Amino acid sequence: MLGIPGLTDRLVPVATPTNAGHGWSGPLPPTMGLRGAVFRTLSQLAIHHRKSPATTEGPYPPRRGPRAGDRVPDTARNLHALTAAPGYHVLLCGPSDDWESGSVSAAARGCDHLIHIHTLDASGLWGPGITHCLVRPDGYIAYRAGGTDLTGLLDHLDEWLPPSEAGNRSSAPSSA
């Protein structure tokens, strides 16, 4: 039985356009749907966690765009670079003056090393409108909701990252 490395070693040559010395030399036949499916599977772009208990759709979620449990796509705004720092990322999509500073600072919980806040314009991932989401350290959306009420996001953080645990963690190594 093939393990994951063995299966990957066999599928990568099939998914790549030219494979000199691997049995097939030349572009893949016109079955590009198969090639795309193999690529999405190997690159894990087709994986989502929408039914995971760690993902929540909050009130008034946008009708389009990535949902809670989906991987954050890279965009012209280079979201992958924006969310590359270790930790959780709160994306606030909409005019910055619409977000209450008290709610935003409550989301950060004094853990700037662990929870990063980013404000994007209203035409973000979900089209026009005001939306907010929480991106996990692995790049998947943990929480998504419409509007400026961050209560659901704060509840989600309390459940998965209790304030006592978040406050005890620091970016500097502890001395023993």
C-alpha atoms as a PDB file:
ATOM      1  CA  MET A   1       0.000   0.000   0.000  1.00  0.00           C
ATOM      2  CA  LEU A   2       1.290   3.457  -0.894  1.00  0.00           C
ATOM      3  CA  GLY A   3       1.725   6.031   1.822  1.00  0.00           C
ATOM      4  CA  ILE A   4       1.155   9.745   1.263  1.00  0.00           C
ATOM      5  CA  PRO A   5       4.760  10.400   0.121  1.00  0.00           C
ATOM      6  CA  GLY A   6       4.607   7.516  -2.352  1.00  0.00           C
ATOM      7  CA  LEU A   7       1.250   8.618  -3.707  1.00  0.00           C
ATOM      8  CA  THR A   8       2.465  12.200  -4.035  1.00  0.00           C
ATOM      9  CA  ASP A   9       5.597  11.058  -5.845  1.00  0.00           C
ATOM     10  CA  ARG A  10       3.412   9.229  -8.369  1.00  0.00           C
ATOM     11  CA  LEU A  11       0.798  11.971  -8.821  1.00  0.00           C
ATOM     12  CA  VAL A  12       3.065  15.025  -9.153  1.00  0.00           C
ATOM     13  CA  PRO A  13       4.533  13.862 -12.486  1.00  0.00           C
ATOM     14  CA  VAL A  14       1.001  13.323 -13.781  1.00  0.00           C
ATOM     15  CA  ALA A  15      -0.109  16.815 -12.707  1.00  0.00           C
ATOM     16  CA  THR A  16       2.850  18.680 -14.172  1.00  0.00           C
ATOM     17  CA  PRO A  17       2.858  19.741 -17.831  1.00  0.00           C
ATOM     18  CA  THR A  18       6.107  18.086 -18.934  1.00  0.00           C
ATOM     19  CA  ASN A  19       7.697  15.074 -17.351  1.00  0.00           C
ATOM     20  CA  ALA A  20      10.832  13.978 -19.164  1.00  0.00           C
ATOM     21  CA  GLY A  21      11.896  10.590 -17.926  1.00  0.00           C
ATOM     22  CA  HIS A  22       8.723   9.836 -15.971  1.00  0.00           C
ATOM     23  CA  GLY A  23       6.887   7.817 -18.574  1.00  0.00           C
ATOM     24  CA  TRP A  24       4.891  10.711 -20.010  1.00  0.00           C
ATOM     25  CA  SER A  25       6.812  13.376 -21.878  1.00  0.00           C
ATOM     26  CA  GLY A  26       4.736  16.267 -23.033  1.00  0.00           C
ATOM     27  CA  PRO A  27       1.711  18.219 -21.955  1.00  0.00           C
ATOM     28  CA  LEU A  28      -1.199  16.398 -20.456  1.00  0.00           C
ATOM     29  CA  PRO A  29      -3.992  15.417 -22.786  1.00  0.00           C
ATOM     30  CA  PRO A  30      -7.056  17.647 -23.003  1.00  0.00           C
ATOM     31  CA  THR A  31      -8.403  16.320 -19.695  1.00  0.00           C
ATOM     32  CA  MET A  32      -7.504  19.560 -17.938  1.00  0.00           C
ATOM     33  CA  GLY A  33     -10.353  19.040 -15.480  1.00  0.00           C
ATOM     34  CA  LEU A  34      -8.540  16.003 -14.131  1.00  0.00           C
ATOM     35  CA  ARG A  35      -5.258  17.887 -14.009  1.00  0.00           C
ATOM     36  CA  GLY A  36      -6.897  20.771 -12.128  1.00  0.00           C
ATOM     37  CA  ALA A  37      -8.580  18.401  -9.677  1.00  0.00           C
ATOM     38  CA  VAL A  38      -5.287  16.622  -8.998  1.00  0.00           C
ATOM     39  CA  PHE A  39      -3.531  19.971  -8.502  1.00  0.00           C
ATOM     40  CA  ARG A  40      -6.218  21.291  -6.115  1.00  0.00           C
ATOM     41  CA  THR A  41      -6.077  18.068  -4.118  1.00  0.00           C
ATOM     42  CA  LEU A  42      -2.283  17.921  -3.858  1.00  0.00           C
ATOM     43  CA  SER A  43      -1.982  21.621  -3.058  1.00  0.00           C
ATOM     44  CA  GLN A  44      -4.835  21.309  -0.527  1.00  0.00           C
ATOM     45  CA  LEU A  45      -6.748  24.176  -2.135  1.00  0.00           C
ATOM     46  CA  ALA A  46      -9.885  22.045  -2.288  1.00  0.00           C
ATOM     47  CA  ILE A  47      -9.866  21.338   1.450  1.00  0.00           C
ATOM     48  CA  HIS A  48     -12.284  23.227   3.668  1.00  0.00           C
ATOM     49  CA  HIS A  49     -13.415  22.910   7.272  1.00  0.00           C
ATOM     50  CA  ARG A  50     -16.931  24.343   7.003  1.00  0.00           C
ATOM     51  CA  LYS A  51     -18.496  21.677   9.233  1.00  0.00           C
ATOM     52  CA  SER A  52     -15.786  21.827  11.895  1.00  0.00           C
ATOM     53  CA  PRO A  53     -16.871  22.877  15.387  1.00  0.00           C
ATOM     54  CA  ALA A  54     -13.976  25.376  15.277  1.00  0.00           C
ATOM     55  CA  THR A  55     -15.664  27.420  12.521  1.00  0.00           C
ATOM     56  CA  THR A  56     -18.687  29.669  12.925  1.00  0.00           C
ATOM     57  CA  GLU A  57     -20.815  31.711  10.565  1.00  0.00           C
ATOM     58  CA  GLY A  58     -21.970  34.717  12.557  1.00  0.00           C
ATOM     59  CA  PRO A  59     -25.019  36.910  11.968  1.00  0.00           C
ATOM     60  CA  TYR A  60     -25.616  38.444   8.528  1.00  0.00           C
ATOM     61  CA  PRO A  61     -22.819  36.601   6.704  1.00  0.00           C
ATOM     62  CA  PRO A  62     -22.095  37.864   3.194  1.00  0.00           C
ATOM     63  CA  ARG A  63     -23.718  35.937   0.360  1.00  0.00           C
ATOM     64  CA  ARG A  64     -20.505  35.531  -1.619  1.00  0.00           C
ATOM     65  CA  GLY A  65     -16.813  35.070  -1.015  1.00  0.00           C
ATOM     66  CA  PRO A  66     -14.992  32.634   1.244  1.00  0.00           C
ATOM     67  CA  ARG A  67     -17.018  31.189   4.116  1.00  0.00           C
ATOM     68  CA  ALA A  68     -16.025  30.180   7.618  1.00  0.00           C
ATOM     69  CA  GLY A  69     -13.918  27.054   7.199  1.00  0.00           C
ATOM     70  CA  ASP A  70     -12.491  28.103   3.821  1.00  0.00           C
ATOM     71  CA  ARG A  71      -8.871  29.064   3.294  1.00  0.00           C
ATOM     72  CA  VAL A  72      -8.282  32.787   2.895  1.00  0.00           C
ATOM     73  CA  PRO A  73      -7.587  33.361  -0.807  1.00  0.00           C
ATOM     74  CA  ASP A  74      -4.708  35.470  -1.937  1.00  0.00           C
ATOM     75  CA  THR A  75      -5.941  38.659  -3.564  1.00  0.00           C
ATOM     76  CA  ALA A  76      -4.571  41.775  -5.205  1.00  0.00           C
ATOM     77  CA  ARG A  77      -4.229  43.119  -1.646  1.00  0.00           C
ATOM     78  CA  ASN A  78      -1.859  40.197  -0.923  1.00  0.00           C
ATOM     79  CA  LEU A  79      -3.821  38.774   2.006  1.00  0.00           C
ATOM     80  CA  HIS A  80      -1.423  35.871   2.394  1.00  0.00           C
ATOM     81  CA  ALA A  81       1.416  38.277   3.170  1.00  0.00           C
ATOM     82  CA  LEU A  82      -0.866  40.294   5.466  1.00  0.00           C
ATOM     83  CA  THR A  83      -1.838  37.195   7.463  1.00  0.00           C
ATOM     84  CA  ALA A  84       1.602  35.546   7.392  1.00  0.00           C
ATOM     85  CA  ALA A  85       2.633  36.646  10.884  1.00  0.00           C
ATOM     86  CA  PRO A  86       2.113  33.888  13.462  1.00  0.00           C
ATOM     87  CA  GLY A  87      -1.143  34.157  15.355  1.00  0.00           C
ATOM     88  CA  TYR A  88      -4.771  35.016  14.681  1.00  0.00           C
ATOM     89  CA  HIS A  89      -5.803  37.814  12.337  1.00  0.00           C
ATOM     90  CA  VAL A  90      -9.005  39.850  12.605  1.00  0.00           C
ATOM     91  CA  LEU A  91      -9.957  41.295   9.214  1.00  0.00           C
ATOM     92  CA  LEU A  92     -12.295  44.283   9.459  1.00  0.00           C
ATOM     93  CA  CYS A  93     -13.674  45.041   5.996  1.00  0.00           C
ATOM     94  CA  GLY A  94     -15.267  48.466   5.715  1.00  0.00           C
ATOM     95  CA  PRO A  95     -14.469  52.104   6.482  1.00  0.00           C
ATOM     96  CA  SER A  96     -12.195  52.332   9.516  1.00  0.00           C
ATOM     97  CA  ASP A  97     -14.383  54.971  11.167  1.00  0.00           C
ATOM     98  CA  ASP A  98     -17.284  52.463  11.289  1.00  0.00           C
ATOM     99  CA  TRP A  99     -15.451  50.224  13.768  1.00  0.00           C
ATOM    100  CA  GLU A 100     -15.764  51.100  17.455  1.00  0.00           C
ATOM    101  CA  SER A 101     -12.287  51.365  18.934  1.00  0.00           C
ATOM    102  CA  GLY A 102     -13.447  49.746  22.192  1.00  0.00           C
ATOM    103  CA  SER A 103     -14.686  46.637  20.399  1.00  0.00           C
ATOM    104  CA  VAL A 104     -11.563  46.424  18.275  1.00  0.00           C
ATOM    105  CA  SER A 105      -9.248  46.712  21.291  1.00  0.00           C
ATOM    106  CA  ALA A 106     -11.386  44.119  23.107  1.00  0.00           C
ATOM    107  CA  ALA A 107     -10.756  41.745  20.192  1.00  0.00           C
ATOM    108  CA  ALA A 108      -7.002  42.236  20.559  1.00  0.00           C
ATOM    109  CA  ARG A 109      -7.333  41.524  24.328  1.00  0.00           C
ATOM    110  CA  GLY A 110      -3.932  43.049  25.013  1.00  0.00           C
ATOM    111  CA  CYS A 111      -2.306  40.199  23.066  1.00  0.00           C
ATOM    112  CA  ASP A 112      -0.881  42.088  20.123  1.00  0.00           C
ATOM    113  CA  HIS A 113       1.687  39.310  19.659  1.00  0.00           C
ATOM    114  CA  LEU A 114      -1.101  36.744  19.208  1.00  0.00           C
ATOM    115  CA  ILE A 115      -4.073  38.605  17.713  1.00  0.00           C
ATOM    116  CA  HIS A 116      -3.433  41.033  14.852  1.00  0.00           C
ATOM    117  CA  ILE A 117      -6.077  43.533  13.686  1.00  0.00           C
ATOM    118  CA  HIS A 118      -6.243  44.597  10.024  1.00  0.00           C
ATOM    119  CA  THR A 119      -8.657  47.082   8.442  1.00  0.00           C
ATOM    120  CA  LEU A 120      -9.444  46.582   4.749  1.00  0.00           C
ATOM    121  CA  ASP A 121     -11.635  48.673   2.483  1.00  0.00           C
ATOM    122  CA  ALA A 122     -15.297  47.730   1.993  1.00  0.00           C
ATOM    123  CA  SER A 123     -14.767  46.133  -1.423  1.00  0.00           C
ATOM    124  CA  GLY A 124     -12.785  43.289   0.112  1.00  0.00           C
ATOM    125  CA  LEU A 125     -13.228  39.566  -0.234  1.00  0.00           C
ATOM    126  CA  TRP A 126     -16.982  39.650   0.167  1.00  0.00           C
ATOM    127  CA  GLY A 127     -17.891  42.540  -2.116  1.00  0.00           C
ATOM    128  CA  PRO A 128     -19.386  45.822  -0.976  1.00  0.00           C
ATOM    129  CA  GLY A 129     -20.538  45.985   2.602  1.00  0.00           C
ATOM    130  CA  ILE A 130     -19.143  45.720   6.087  1.00  0.00           C
ATOM    131  CA  THR A 131     -17.812  42.323   7.125  1.00  0.00           C
ATOM    132  CA  HIS A 132     -15.419  40.977   9.715  1.00  0.00           C
ATOM    133  CA  CYS A 133     -13.681  37.649  10.117  1.00  0.00           C
ATOM    134  CA  LEU A 134     -11.118  35.819  12.191  1.00  0.00           C
ATOM    135  CA  VAL A 135      -8.324  33.991  10.364  1.00  0.00           C
ATOM    136  CA  ARG A 136      -6.659  31.121  12.215  1.00  0.00           C
ATOM    137  CA  PRO A 137      -2.873  30.640  12.213  1.00  0.00           C
ATOM    138  CA  ASP A 138      -3.242  27.961   9.509  1.00  0.00           C
ATOM    139  CA  GLY A 139      -4.855  30.463   7.110  1.00  0.00           C
ATOM    140  CA  TYR A 140      -8.450  29.230   7.405  1.00  0.00           C
ATOM    141  CA  ILE A 141     -11.372  31.462   8.349  1.00  0.00           C
ATOM    142  CA  ALA A 142     -12.599  30.567  11.826  1.00  0.00           C
ATOM    143  CA  TYR A 143     -15.411  33.135  12.097  1.00  0.00           C
ATOM    144  CA  ARG A 144     -17.203  35.377   9.602  1.00  0.00           C
ATOM    145  CA  ALA A 145     -20.099  37.795  10.008  1.00  0.00           C
ATOM    146  CA  GLY A 146     -21.565  40.936   8.502  1.00  0.00           C
ATOM    147  CA  GLY A 147     -21.863  44.314  10.218  1.00  0.00           C
ATOM    148  CA  THR A 148     -19.791  46.051  12.853  1.00  0.00           C
ATOM    149  CA  ASP A 149     -21.008  44.164  15.935  1.00  0.00           C
ATOM    150  CA  LEU A 150     -18.002  42.135  17.097  1.00  0.00           C
ATOM    151  CA  THR A 151     -19.879  40.323  19.894  1.00  0.00           C
ATOM    152  CA  GLY A 152     -19.941  36.994  18.024  1.00  0.00           C
ATOM    153  CA  LEU A 153     -16.258  37.269  17.178  1.00  0.00           C
ATOM    154  CA  LEU A 154     -15.420  37.977  20.824  1.00  0.00           C
ATOM    155  CA  ASP A 155     -17.537  34.980  21.904  1.00  0.00           C
ATOM    156  CA  HIS A 156     -15.715  32.796  19.372  1.00  0.00           C
ATOM    157  CA  LEU A 157     -12.344  33.979  20.706  1.00  0.00           C
ATOM    158  CA  ASP A 158     -13.486  33.336  24.294  1.00  0.00           C
ATOM    159  CA  GLU A 159     -14.417  29.777  23.369  1.00  0.00           C
ATOM    160  CA  TRP A 160     -11.272  28.869  21.431  1.00  0.00           C
ATOM    161  CA  LEU A 161      -8.686  31.182  22.977  1.00  0.00           C
ATOM    162  CA  PRO A 162      -9.738  32.033  26.535  1.00  0.00           C
ATOM    163  CA  PRO A 163      -8.373  35.373  27.812  1.00  0.00           C
ATOM    164  CA  SER A 164      -6.399  33.676  30.599  1.00  0.00           C
ATOM    165  CA  GLU A 165      -4.561  31.477  28.085  1.00  0.00           C
ATOM    166  CA  ALA A 166      -4.016  34.327  25.638  1.00  0.00           C
ATOM    167  CA  GLY A 167      -2.685  36.611  28.375  1.00  0.00           C
ATOM    168  CA  ASN A 168      -0.252  33.992  29.660  1.00  0.00           C
ATOM    169  CA  ARG A 169       1.389  33.532  26.275  1.00  0.00           C
ATOM    170  CA  SER A 170       4.120  35.842  25.195  1.00  0.00           C
ATOM    171  CA  SER A 171       6.334  36.091  22.164  1.00  0.00           C
ATOM    172  CA  ALA A 172       9.485  36.007  24.320  1.00  0.00           C
ATOM    173  CA  PRO A 173      10.682  32.640  25.659  1.00  0.00           C
ATOM    174  CA  SER A 174      10.076  32.151  29.352  1.00  0.00           C
ATOM    175  CA  SER A 175      13.036  31.738  31.661  1.00  0.00           C
ATOM    176  CA  ALA A 176      13.018  28.719  33.943  1.00  0.00           C
END
